[in-house]
């Protein structure tokens, strides 16, 4: 029939039945019933379907609701199989019962109310089984009489046919080739958000031209500038709120080797009032090429940028800077609170461990093997031989932390495969001087430093409380061991000396670990050192709970939840950034459950904290009282 409408004439009982379910009077002698594929979505009208004969074809849609007058005629639908009926179609269809109680020669779909002519003596159920119920497709297959009740499948995303997905892949290929874009552009979260936005537009507004939706590049540029201003304003507001209690800022400088341009990056870290750790990049600035990287110039650039976000010079006393140990950056921040980056220190320790010019002769052979290993990786990558290996090989890079151990372990774990590959290419000389035993020993030693630096460089969980733990763990790791080769013994001694020289443990690190409930006993410290930490903690608590102009109810209220909130935050975030294996590394210093109660040496501190809590609650009550009086 094509796109033409097809009509069927229904008279007699069928017309009466349809009039009841439609809820309106039909005019004899003929009734035109029109069909469309969107019967459930659009209601009562349908586009024409090609009929395969008059037997068993739909006679019309019906609405089970009907009007009051139609309901009074008492047409009913009988659900379920009659005696002798075995077909499963009767789970979806019902028999139409006339007002006099006799069965009509029609059946009705319980979901979409499509009416079919049916005679048990003349027609079978094959046509009923081929019925494509749009309502069931939209709300899920239902075998219940409660057709109007939505199923759980209603709330799940529709499945796209494989043919449509295949066509979309072709479109992506054409997109990447025409616009010279990388294939992994489709893997980004931003691209997925844009694609979902376009799908939502099509679902809501129907078929539209892409050119009418996709914005011009200048529009995107202008919107990006406006959004950057809004985001910066919101960030400034959040930072100024956090300044009440203090913030941390990390900064670093680097140079683009191609264009020879230097940049400075500033990142702010702070905790919100609901104890959420936030890290935000404040800015990435180009350092003036006409100026030298002196302490004064670096200080001026950092101060100017902080002032731009609302951090004035008088607020810098509440800022803690974390940087590398470059002499110029240390001199630029000498008047402020400054802590060296522990991960950066560990990287420098390893760098100088293997760069010792006064090392014994046997160390020359070890460093030579590392150089040969680096040359081997270069050859494998340039020749395309990595495609024949089961794992990727990693190259060492001076500016990338832990790249040395990554290179060594990537070669060691497929040493035999690389050797066989080189033999097949007649390049076996490239493996000369590289010993698997040496690679395994070096990889085992460096892996602990890799775990330490990766954990300490995290920005989604507190790390300063882990510095003392890793410092003691690395010290024990660098102690000479019986049976070690000469080169490993020398490397351990050299690394231990540099670790003690460069990674300075301050009182701040010790107090941070003291405030971690699992390690509050400070088992790795001497008794005198523990007493010094307790004394400093008392001093800080006194300063925290003493009446000050800026103390508010919110500030005082946060002291009450300091213990539990800090513990939950530390446990959740540490579990997120650390595996159970790493947690077991410090089991010898972890408190046992019975030590969580106040013992003799902790009793004064616990009593003090209780008094501090009482004072803070009193301050909160007074603050709330005076605010209430001022309002009245």
Foldseek 3Di string as FASTA:
>chain_A
DPQDWDFDWDADPVQLVQCLQAQHHDDDDGDGATAAPCCVVPPFHHHDDDDPDQAFDFPGAGHNPHDPVSVVQPWDWAADDDPPDDDPLSLQKTWIAGSVGHTDQWIAGLAGRTITGHDPVPDDCPSSVVDDDPRCVQQPNDSDSPNVDGDPVNPDDDDDDPVVVVVVVVVLVCVCVVVVHDSCVCVDPVNVVVVVVVVVCCVVVNDDDPVVPDDDPVVVVVVVVVVVVVVLLVVLVQVVVQLLQAKEKEKDKDADPPVRWIKMWIKIWGAGLLGFIDIGTQDIGIQDPVDDLALVSVLVVVQVSCVVSPCHPVSQQRYEYEYAPDPRPCSNCVVYHYDYQLLNLLQVLVVVLLVDPPDDPVSVLVVVLLVLLLVLLVVCVVVVVQVVFPDHAAHDDSPDGPSSLRNLVSCLVCVVVSCVSCVVVVNNVSCPSHDSVSSVLVNVLCVLSVVLSQLSPDRRADRLLCSVVSLVLLLVSLDDDPPDDPNSVSSSVSSNVSSPVRNDDDLVNVLSVCLALFQVVVVVDDPVNNVVNLVVVLVVLCVQLPDDPSDELSSLVVLVCSNVSVNVRNVVRCVVSDPPVVVVSRVVRTDDPVPSDQDDVCVVSVVSSVVSNVSSVVVSVVRVVVVVVVVD
